[in-house]
Amino acid sequence: MHIETERLIITEFDISMAESVYKNSLDEDTRRFLPDEVFESVEEAQNTIDFLIKAYKSETGPFVYPVLLKNGTNIGYVQLVSIEKGYEVGYHIGKASTKKGYATEALKAFLADIMQKKSLKNVYGITCAENVASQKVLEKCGFKRIFHGKGEYQGKFCEIIKYVLTVE
């Protein structure tokens, strides 16, 4: 995987990214909305990166790719993960790089590539109802809201919003 946009590069993980992955995982939004993606040490991030690198060779993933600025700075990730009804997209941009349109830019480019490679017609997005920023990203990328109510999110039962992106 190697995608370039005007400002970003989406590529495959390598173990040298462990420190930046660890640091990006520590912001308050990650702790609040994605607690299972918080790493307590660089070593823990290295172990996860090792797992993700091996997953690139599988049929079902998870397919997680770092998002880099053109200068090589790791600012987050985009992902496609297998769920019961198909695939769900995920993304996170570290707090220092938010509110600059990077998540939308990365997700649009990633979806165009990964949906074609996987021959997918539908991809889902699920957010905590409190995560308005994530909802805006999905909507800017063409996702349509299909559910708003109680459901499971990150191992907890809470108010969620589900989206779907359908391509012809």
N, C-alpha and C. Protein backbone atom coordinates (compact mmCIF):
# COMPACT_ATOMS: atom_id res chain seq x y z
N MET A 1 0.86 -1.18 0.00
CA MET A 1 0.00 0.00 0.00
C MET A 1 0.90 1.23 0.00
N HIS A 2 0.63 2.08 -0.95
CA HIS A 2 1.30 3.38 -0.98
C HIS A 2 0.38 4.33 -1.73
N ILE A 3 -0.23 5.25 -0.96
CA ILE A 3 -1.14 6.24 -1.52
C ILE A 3 -0.58 7.61 -1.17
N GLU A 4 -0.56 8.50 -2.15
CA GLU A 4 -0.16 9.88 -1.87
C GLU A 4 -1.29 10.81 -2.24
N THR A 5 -1.56 11.75 -1.35
CA THR A 5 -2.52 12.81 -1.62
C THR A 5 -1.73 14.11 -1.68
N GLU A 6 -2.43 15.20 -1.73
CA GLU A 6 -1.75 16.50 -1.80
C GLU A 6 -0.82 16.72 -0.60
N ARG A 7 -1.26 16.28 0.60
CA ARG A 7 -0.49 16.55 1.81
C ARG A 7 -0.02 15.32 2.55
N LEU A 8 -0.51 14.14 2.16
CA LEU A 8 -0.31 12.94 2.98
C LEU A 8 0.24 11.76 2.21
N ILE A 9 0.80 10.82 2.96
CA ILE A 9 1.22 9.52 2.44
C ILE A 9 0.58 8.46 3.34
N ILE A 10 -0.06 7.48 2.71
CA ILE A 10 -0.60 6.33 3.43
C ILE A 10 0.22 5.14 2.96
N THR A 11 0.85 4.47 3.90
CA THR A 11 1.79 3.41 3.55
C THR A 11 1.65 2.26 4.54
N GLU A 12 2.57 1.32 4.50
CA GLU A 12 2.54 0.20 5.45
C GLU A 12 3.40 0.54 6.67
N PHE A 13 3.03 -0.05 7.78
CA PHE A 13 3.79 0.12 9.00
C PHE A 13 5.16 -0.53 8.89
N ASP A 14 6.12 0.05 9.59
CA ASP A 14 7.37 -0.64 9.88
C ASP A 14 7.68 -0.37 11.34
N ILE A 15 8.50 -1.21 11.90
CA ILE A 15 8.74 -1.22 13.35
C ILE A 15 9.32 0.11 13.85
N SER A 16 9.98 0.86 12.97
CA SER A 16 10.57 2.14 13.37
C SER A 16 9.50 3.17 13.75
N MET A 17 8.25 2.91 13.44
CA MET A 17 7.16 3.84 13.74
C MET A 17 6.60 3.68 15.15
N ALA A 18 7.14 2.76 15.92
CA ALA A 18 6.56 2.43 17.23
C ALA A 18 6.47 3.64 18.16
N GLU A 19 7.50 4.45 18.22
CA GLU A 19 7.46 5.59 19.15
C GLU A 19 6.37 6.59 18.75
N SER A 20 6.24 6.89 17.47
CA SER A 20 5.20 7.83 17.05
C SER A 20 3.81 7.24 17.24
N VAL A 21 3.65 5.95 17.02
CA VAL A 21 2.36 5.29 17.26
C VAL A 21 2.01 5.38 18.75
N TYR A 22 2.99 5.10 19.59
CA TYR A 22 2.79 5.20 21.03
C TYR A 22 2.36 6.62 21.42
N LYS A 23 3.07 7.62 20.95
CA LYS A 23 2.74 9.02 21.30
C LYS A 23 1.38 9.43 20.77
N ASN A 24 1.04 9.04 19.53
CA ASN A 24 -0.28 9.39 18.98
C ASN A 24 -1.41 8.74 19.76
N SER A 25 -1.14 7.61 20.41
CA SER A 25 -2.20 6.90 21.13
C SER A 25 -2.55 7.53 22.47
N LEU A 26 -1.75 8.46 22.93
CA LEU A 26 -1.90 8.97 24.29
C LEU A 26 -2.84 10.16 24.44
N ASP A 27 -3.34 10.73 23.35
CA ASP A 27 -4.17 11.91 23.51
C ASP A 27 -5.53 11.57 24.12
N GLU A 28 -6.19 12.59 24.63
CA GLU A 28 -7.44 12.36 25.37
C GLU A 28 -8.56 11.80 24.50
N ASP A 29 -8.59 12.15 23.20
CA ASP A 29 -9.63 11.60 22.33
C ASP A 29 -9.45 10.09 22.14
N THR A 30 -8.22 9.63 22.03
CA THR A 30 -7.99 8.19 21.93
C THR A 30 -8.44 7.50 23.21
N ARG A 31 -8.06 8.04 24.33
CA ARG A 31 -8.47 7.45 25.61
C ARG A 31 -9.99 7.43 25.75
N ARG A 32 -10.66 8.45 25.26
CA ARG A 32 -12.11 8.57 25.40
C ARG A 32 -12.86 7.67 24.42
N PHE A 33 -12.46 7.69 23.13
CA PHE A 33 -13.24 7.02 22.11
C PHE A 33 -12.66 5.68 21.65
N LEU A 34 -11.36 5.47 21.82
CA LEU A 34 -10.70 4.25 21.34
C LEU A 34 -9.77 3.68 22.41
N PRO A 35 -10.28 3.39 23.59
CA PRO A 35 -9.40 2.99 24.68
C PRO A 35 -8.58 1.74 24.42
N ASP A 36 -9.04 0.87 23.52
CA ASP A 36 -8.27 -0.33 23.21
C ASP A 36 -7.09 -0.03 22.28
N GLU A 37 -6.98 1.21 21.83
CA GLU A 37 -5.88 1.61 20.96
C GLU A 37 -4.88 2.53 21.67
N VAL A 38 -4.94 2.57 22.98
CA VAL A 38 -3.97 3.32 23.78
C VAL A 38 -2.85 2.36 24.17
N PHE A 39 -1.62 2.76 23.90
CA PHE A 39 -0.47 1.93 24.24
C PHE A 39 0.23 2.50 25.47
N GLU A 40 0.52 1.63 26.41
CA GLU A 40 1.15 2.07 27.65
C GLU A 40 2.68 2.14 27.56
N SER A 41 3.23 1.65 26.44
CA SER A 41 4.69 1.71 26.25
C SER A 41 5.01 1.60 24.76
N VAL A 42 6.22 1.99 24.40
CA VAL A 42 6.69 1.84 23.03
C VAL A 42 6.73 0.36 22.67
N GLU A 43 7.12 -0.48 23.62
CA GLU A 43 7.18 -1.93 23.37
C GLU A 43 5.80 -2.48 23.01
N GLU A 44 4.77 -2.02 23.70
CA GLU A 44 3.41 -2.46 23.40
C GLU A 44 3.02 -2.02 21.98
N ALA A 45 3.40 -0.80 21.60
CA ALA A 45 3.14 -0.33 20.23
C ALA A 45 3.90 -1.19 19.22
N GLN A 46 5.15 -1.55 19.54
CA GLN A 46 5.95 -2.41 18.64
C GLN A 46 5.26 -3.76 18.43
N ASN A 47 4.77 -4.35 19.50
CA ASN A 47 4.08 -5.64 19.39
C ASN A 47 2.85 -5.55 18.49
N THR A 48 2.10 -4.46 18.62
CA THR A 48 0.92 -4.28 17.79
C THR A 48 1.32 -4.06 16.33
N ILE A 49 2.34 -3.26 16.10
CA ILE A 49 2.81 -3.03 14.73
C ILE A 49 3.26 -4.36 14.11
N ASP A 50 3.95 -5.17 14.85
CA ASP A 50 4.38 -6.48 14.35
C ASP A 50 3.16 -7.31 13.92
N PHE A 51 2.13 -7.33 14.75
CA PHE A 51 0.89 -8.03 14.42
C PHE A 51 0.26 -7.46 13.14
N LEU A 52 0.20 -6.13 13.03
CA LEU A 52 -0.43 -5.49 11.88
C LEU A 52 0.34 -5.75 10.59
N ILE A 53 1.65 -5.79 10.68
CA ILE A 53 2.48 -6.10 9.50
C ILE A 53 2.15 -7.51 9.00
N LYS A 54 2.04 -8.46 9.92
CA LYS A 54 1.68 -9.84 9.54
C LYS A 54 0.28 -9.90 8.94
N ALA A 55 -0.63 -9.06 9.42
CA ALA A 55 -2.02 -9.06 8.94
C ALA A 55 -2.12 -8.59 7.49
N TYR A 56 -1.14 -7.82 7.00
CA TYR A 56 -1.18 -7.37 5.61
C TYR A 56 -1.25 -8.56 4.64
N LYS A 57 -0.72 -9.71 5.04
CA LYS A 57 -0.69 -10.88 4.17
C LYS A 57 -1.95 -11.73 4.26
N SER A 58 -2.84 -11.42 5.20
CA SER A 58 -4.05 -12.22 5.38
C SER A 58 -5.17 -11.74 4.45
N GLU A 59 -6.18 -12.54 4.33
CA GLU A 59 -7.35 -12.17 3.52
C GLU A 59 -8.30 -11.24 4.26
N THR A 60 -8.32 -11.34 5.59
CA THR A 60 -9.33 -10.60 6.35
C THR A 60 -8.77 -9.47 7.22
N GLY A 61 -7.44 -9.33 7.29
CA GLY A 61 -6.87 -8.22 8.05
C GLY A 61 -6.84 -8.46 9.54
N PRO A 62 -6.83 -7.41 10.30
CA PRO A 62 -7.19 -6.03 9.99
C PRO A 62 -6.13 -5.35 9.12
N PHE A 63 -6.59 -4.43 8.28
CA PHE A 63 -5.72 -3.70 7.38
C PHE A 63 -5.57 -2.27 7.92
N VAL A 64 -4.47 -2.03 8.62
CA VAL A 64 -4.25 -0.75 9.29
C VAL A 64 -2.99 -0.13 8.70
N TYR A 65 -3.11 1.13 8.28
CA TYR A 65 -2.00 1.80 7.60
C TYR A 65 -1.74 3.17 8.22
N PRO A 66 -0.47 3.48 8.46
CA PRO A 66 -0.16 4.79 9.03
C PRO A 66 -0.41 5.91 8.02
N VAL A 67 -0.80 7.06 8.56
CA VAL A 67 -0.96 8.28 7.77
C VAL A 67 0.21 9.18 8.15
N LEU A 68 0.97 9.55 7.13
CA LEU A 68 2.15 10.40 7.32
C LEU A 68 1.97 11.72 6.60
N LEU A 69 2.53 12.77 7.18
CA LEU A 69 2.66 14.01 6.43
C LEU A 69 3.73 13.79 5.37
N LYS A 70 3.79 14.64 4.37
CA LYS A 70 4.79 14.49 3.30
C LYS A 70 6.22 14.52 3.84
N ASN A 71 6.43 15.14 5.01
CA ASN A 71 7.78 15.17 5.61
C ASN A 71 8.10 13.90 6.40
N GLY A 72 7.18 12.93 6.40
CA GLY A 72 7.42 11.65 7.08
C GLY A 72 6.88 11.56 8.49
N THR A 73 6.33 12.63 9.03
CA THR A 73 5.77 12.62 10.39
C THR A 73 4.51 11.76 10.43
N ASN A 74 4.49 10.78 11.34
CA ASN A 74 3.34 9.90 11.52
C ASN A 74 2.29 10.64 12.35
N ILE A 75 1.11 10.87 11.75
CA ILE A 75 0.07 11.62 12.46
C ILE A 75 -1.15 10.77 12.82
N GLY A 76 -1.19 9.51 12.36
CA GLY A 76 -2.35 8.68 12.68
C GLY A 76 -2.43 7.46 11.80
N TYR A 77 -3.66 6.99 11.56
CA TYR A 77 -3.85 5.78 10.77
C TYR A 77 -5.24 5.77 10.13
N VAL A 78 -5.39 4.93 9.13
CA VAL A 78 -6.68 4.54 8.57
C VAL A 78 -6.72 3.02 8.60
N GLN A 79 -7.92 2.46 8.66
CA GLN A 79 -8.01 0.99 8.75
C GLN A 79 -9.30 0.47 8.15
N LEU A 80 -9.24 -0.79 7.77
CA LEU A 80 -10.39 -1.55 7.33
C LEU A 80 -10.38 -2.84 8.12
N VAL A 81 -11.46 -3.09 8.87
CA VAL A 81 -11.53 -4.29 9.70
C VAL A 81 -12.78 -5.09 9.36
N SER A 82 -12.64 -6.38 9.42
CA SER A 82 -13.75 -7.29 9.15
C SER A 82 -14.74 -7.25 10.30
N ILE A 83 -16.02 -7.14 9.96
CA ILE A 83 -17.10 -7.22 10.95
C ILE A 83 -18.11 -8.25 10.45
N GLU A 84 -19.12 -8.53 11.25
CA GLU A 84 -20.10 -9.56 10.92
C GLU A 84 -20.75 -9.34 9.55
N LYS A 85 -21.05 -8.09 9.20
CA LYS A 85 -21.78 -7.81 7.96
C LYS A 85 -20.87 -7.32 6.83
N GLY A 86 -19.57 -7.46 6.96
CA GLY A 86 -18.68 -6.99 5.90
C GLY A 86 -17.42 -6.37 6.47
N TYR A 87 -17.24 -5.07 6.19
CA TYR A 87 -16.05 -4.36 6.67
C TYR A 87 -16.44 -3.01 7.24
N GLU A 88 -15.68 -2.61 8.24
CA GLU A 88 -15.84 -1.30 8.87
C GLU A 88 -14.56 -0.51 8.70
N VAL A 89 -14.70 0.76 8.46
CA VAL A 89 -13.55 1.65 8.34
C VAL A 89 -13.29 2.30 9.70
N GLY A 90 -12.03 2.62 9.93
CA GLY A 90 -11.64 3.34 11.14
C GLY A 90 -10.52 4.30 10.79
N TYR A 91 -10.31 5.27 11.66
CA TYR A 91 -9.27 6.26 11.42
C TYR A 91 -9.03 7.02 12.71
N HIS A 92 -7.84 7.54 12.82
CA HIS A 92 -7.51 8.41 13.95
C HIS A 92 -6.35 9.30 13.55
N ILE A 93 -6.49 10.56 13.85
CA ILE A 93 -5.41 11.53 13.66
C ILE A 93 -5.08 12.07 15.05
N GLY A 94 -3.80 12.03 15.40
CA GLY A 94 -3.37 12.51 16.72
C GLY A 94 -3.76 13.97 16.94
N LYS A 95 -4.01 14.30 18.18
CA LYS A 95 -4.54 15.62 18.58
C LYS A 95 -3.75 16.78 17.99
N ALA A 96 -2.43 16.66 17.91
CA ALA A 96 -1.60 17.76 17.40
C ALA A 96 -1.88 18.07 15.93
N SER A 97 -2.53 17.14 15.22
CA SER A 97 -2.77 17.32 13.79
C SER A 97 -4.25 17.37 13.42
N THR A 98 -5.12 17.52 14.41
CA THR A 98 -6.55 17.55 14.11
C THR A 98 -7.00 18.92 13.63
N LYS A 99 -8.21 18.97 13.11
CA LYS A 99 -8.87 20.20 12.63
C LYS A 99 -8.13 20.83 11.45
N LYS A 100 -7.49 19.97 10.64
CA LYS A 100 -6.79 20.44 9.45
C LYS A 100 -7.26 19.70 8.20
N GLY A 101 -8.27 18.82 8.36
CA GLY A 101 -8.82 18.09 7.23
C GLY A 101 -8.05 16.83 6.87
N TYR A 102 -7.07 16.46 7.68
CA TYR A 102 -6.25 15.28 7.36
C TYR A 102 -7.06 13.98 7.39
N ALA A 103 -7.95 13.84 8.37
CA ALA A 103 -8.73 12.59 8.46
C ALA A 103 -9.60 12.40 7.23
N THR A 104 -10.26 13.46 6.79
CA THR A 104 -11.10 13.37 5.60
C THR A 104 -10.26 13.08 4.37
N GLU A 105 -9.16 13.79 4.21
CA GLU A 105 -8.27 13.58 3.07
C GLU A 105 -7.74 12.15 3.02
N ALA A 106 -7.31 11.65 4.16
CA ALA A 106 -6.76 10.29 4.23
C ALA A 106 -7.84 9.25 3.98
N LEU A 107 -8.99 9.42 4.60
CA LEU A 107 -10.05 8.43 4.46
C LEU A 107 -10.57 8.35 3.03
N LYS A 108 -10.77 9.49 2.38
CA LYS A 108 -11.24 9.48 0.99
C LYS A 108 -10.26 8.71 0.10
N ALA A 109 -8.99 9.00 0.23
CA ALA A 109 -7.98 8.33 -0.60
C ALA A 109 -7.91 6.84 -0.28
N PHE A 110 -7.94 6.51 0.99
CA PHE A 110 -7.86 5.12 1.43
C PHE A 110 -9.07 4.32 0.92
N LEU A 111 -10.26 4.87 1.07
CA LEU A 111 -11.47 4.16 0.63
C LEU A 111 -11.45 3.88 -0.86
N ALA A 112 -11.05 4.85 -1.65
CA ALA A 112 -11.00 4.66 -3.11
C ALA A 112 -10.09 3.49 -3.46
N ASP A 113 -8.98 3.37 -2.77
CA ASP A 113 -8.00 2.31 -3.04
C ASP A 113 -8.44 0.96 -2.47
N ILE A 114 -8.77 0.92 -1.20
CA ILE A 114 -9.02 -0.36 -0.53
C ILE A 114 -10.34 -1.00 -1.00
N MET A 115 -11.35 -0.18 -1.29
CA MET A 115 -12.61 -0.76 -1.76
C MET A 115 -12.43 -1.40 -3.13
N GLN A 116 -11.62 -0.80 -3.97
CA GLN A 116 -11.34 -1.39 -5.28
C GLN A 116 -10.53 -2.67 -5.12
N LYS A 117 -9.47 -2.63 -4.32
CA LYS A 117 -8.62 -3.81 -4.12
C LYS A 117 -9.40 -4.99 -3.54
N LYS A 118 -10.33 -4.71 -2.64
CA LYS A 118 -11.11 -5.76 -1.98
C LYS A 118 -12.44 -6.03 -2.67
N SER A 119 -12.70 -5.35 -3.78
CA SER A 119 -13.96 -5.50 -4.52
C SER A 119 -15.17 -5.31 -3.61
N LEU A 120 -15.15 -4.25 -2.82
CA LEU A 120 -16.23 -3.98 -1.86
C LEU A 120 -17.22 -2.98 -2.45
N LYS A 121 -18.49 -3.25 -2.23
CA LYS A 121 -19.55 -2.33 -2.64
C LYS A 121 -20.04 -1.49 -1.46
N ASN A 122 -19.86 -2.03 -0.23
CA ASN A 122 -20.30 -1.34 0.99
C ASN A 122 -19.20 -1.37 2.03
N VAL A 123 -19.09 -0.28 2.76
CA VAL A 123 -18.21 -0.21 3.93
C VAL A 123 -18.98 0.55 5.00
N TYR A 124 -18.86 0.09 6.23
CA TYR A 124 -19.57 0.70 7.34
C TYR A 124 -18.65 1.59 8.17
N GLY A 125 -19.24 2.53 8.85
CA GLY A 125 -18.55 3.38 9.82
C GLY A 125 -19.41 3.44 11.05
N ILE A 126 -18.82 3.26 12.22
CA ILE A 126 -19.58 3.29 13.47
C ILE A 126 -18.87 4.25 14.42
N THR A 127 -19.63 5.17 15.01
CA THR A 127 -19.05 6.11 15.95
C THR A 127 -19.87 6.18 17.22
N CYS A 128 -19.22 6.57 18.27
CA CYS A 128 -19.90 6.94 19.50
C CYS A 128 -20.68 8.22 19.18
N ALA A 129 -21.89 8.33 19.65
CA ALA A 129 -22.71 9.50 19.35
C ALA A 129 -22.06 10.81 19.83
N GLU A 130 -21.20 10.73 20.82
CA GLU A 130 -20.52 11.92 21.34
C GLU A 130 -19.39 12.39 20.42
N ASN A 131 -18.94 11.53 19.51
CA ASN A 131 -17.80 11.85 18.67
C ASN A 131 -18.25 12.56 17.39
N VAL A 132 -18.61 13.82 17.54
CA VAL A 132 -19.14 14.62 16.44
C VAL A 132 -18.09 14.78 15.33
N ALA A 133 -16.84 14.94 15.68
CA ALA A 133 -15.79 15.11 14.67
C ALA A 133 -15.71 13.90 13.75
N SER A 134 -15.80 12.72 14.30
CA SER A 134 -15.75 11.50 13.51
C SER A 134 -16.97 11.40 12.59
N GLN A 135 -18.12 11.81 13.07
CA GLN A 135 -19.33 11.79 12.25
C GLN A 135 -19.17 12.73 11.06
N LYS A 136 -18.59 13.89 11.28
CA LYS A 136 -18.39 14.85 10.19
C LYS A 136 -17.44 14.28 9.13
N VAL A 137 -16.40 13.58 9.56
CA VAL A 137 -15.47 12.97 8.61
C VAL A 137 -16.21 11.97 7.73
N LEU A 138 -16.97 11.08 8.35
CA LEU A 138 -17.72 10.08 7.59
C LEU A 138 -18.66 10.74 6.59
N GLU A 139 -19.38 11.76 7.03
CA GLU A 139 -20.33 12.43 6.15
C GLU A 139 -19.63 13.13 4.99
N LYS A 140 -18.49 13.76 5.25
CA LYS A 140 -17.71 14.40 4.17
C LYS A 140 -17.19 13.38 3.17
N CYS A 141 -17.03 12.15 3.61
CA CYS A 141 -16.54 11.08 2.73
C CYS A 141 -17.67 10.35 2.01
N GLY A 142 -18.91 10.80 2.19
CA GLY A 142 -20.03 10.23 1.45
C GLY A 142 -20.82 9.16 2.17
N PHE A 143 -20.52 8.90 3.44
CA PHE A 143 -21.26 7.90 4.21
C PHE A 143 -22.66 8.44 4.53
N LYS A 144 -23.64 7.53 4.57
CA LYS A 144 -25.01 7.87 4.93
C LYS A 144 -25.36 7.23 6.26
N ARG A 145 -26.03 8.00 7.11
CA ARG A 145 -26.45 7.50 8.43
C ARG A 145 -27.55 6.47 8.26
N ILE A 146 -27.37 5.30 8.92
CA ILE A 146 -28.37 4.25 8.82
C ILE A 146 -28.94 3.84 10.18
N PHE A 147 -28.33 4.32 11.28
CA PHE A 147 -28.82 3.94 12.61
C PHE A 147 -28.32 4.94 13.63
N HIS A 148 -29.18 5.29 14.56
CA HIS A 148 -28.81 6.12 15.71
C HIS A 148 -29.57 5.57 16.90
N GLY A 149 -28.85 5.01 17.85
CA GLY A 149 -29.49 4.43 19.03
C GLY A 149 -28.49 3.70 19.89
N LYS A 150 -28.98 2.88 20.78
CA LYS A 150 -28.13 2.12 21.68
C LYS A 150 -27.48 0.95 20.95
N GLY A 151 -26.23 0.71 21.26
CA GLY A 151 -25.51 -0.39 20.66
C GLY A 151 -24.15 -0.56 21.30
N GLU A 152 -23.43 -1.57 20.86
CA GLU A 152 -22.10 -1.83 21.41
C GLU A 152 -21.05 -1.03 20.64
N TYR A 153 -20.17 -0.39 21.40
CA TYR A 153 -19.07 0.37 20.83
C TYR A 153 -17.87 0.25 21.76
N GLN A 154 -16.77 -0.26 21.22
CA GLN A 154 -15.54 -0.42 21.99
C GLN A 154 -15.79 -1.20 23.28
N GLY A 155 -16.62 -2.23 23.19
CA GLY A 155 -16.87 -3.11 24.32
C GLY A 155 -17.85 -2.57 25.35
N LYS A 156 -18.45 -1.42 25.06
CA LYS A 156 -19.42 -0.82 25.97
C LYS A 156 -20.75 -0.65 25.25
N PHE A 157 -21.83 -0.65 26.01
CA PHE A 157 -23.16 -0.40 25.48
C PHE A 157 -23.45 1.08 25.66
N CYS A 158 -23.65 1.80 24.54
CA CYS A 158 -23.86 3.24 24.61
C CYS A 158 -24.63 3.71 23.37
N GLU A 159 -24.82 5.01 23.26
CA GLU A 159 -25.47 5.56 22.08
C GLU A 159 -24.46 5.62 20.94
N ILE A 160 -24.83 5.02 19.80
CA ILE A 160 -23.93 4.97 18.66
C ILE A 160 -24.64 5.46 17.40
N ILE A 161 -23.85 5.74 16.39
CA ILE A 161 -24.36 6.09 15.08
C ILE A 161 -23.63 5.21 14.07
N LYS A 162 -24.42 4.54 13.22
CA LYS A 162 -23.84 3.69 12.17
C LYS A 162 -24.07 4.36 10.82
N TYR A 163 -23.06 4.22 9.98
CA TYR A 163 -23.09 4.76 8.63
C TYR A 163 -22.74 3.67 7.64
N VAL A 164 -23.10 3.90 6.37
CA VAL A 164 -22.67 3.02 5.30
C VAL A 164 -22.27 3.88 4.10
N LEU A 165 -21.24 3.43 3.42
CA LEU A 165 -20.83 4.01 2.14
C LEU A 165 -21.05 2.92 1.09
N THR A 166 -21.83 3.24 0.08
CA THR A 166 -22.12 2.31 -0.98
C THR A 166 -21.60 2.88 -2.29
N VAL A 167 -20.85 2.07 -3.03
CA VAL A 167 -20.36 2.48 -4.35
C VAL A 167 -20.95 1.56 -5.41
N GLU A 168 -21.20 2.12 -6.55
CA GLU A 168 -21.78 1.34 -7.65
C GLU A 168 -20.70 0.64 -8.44
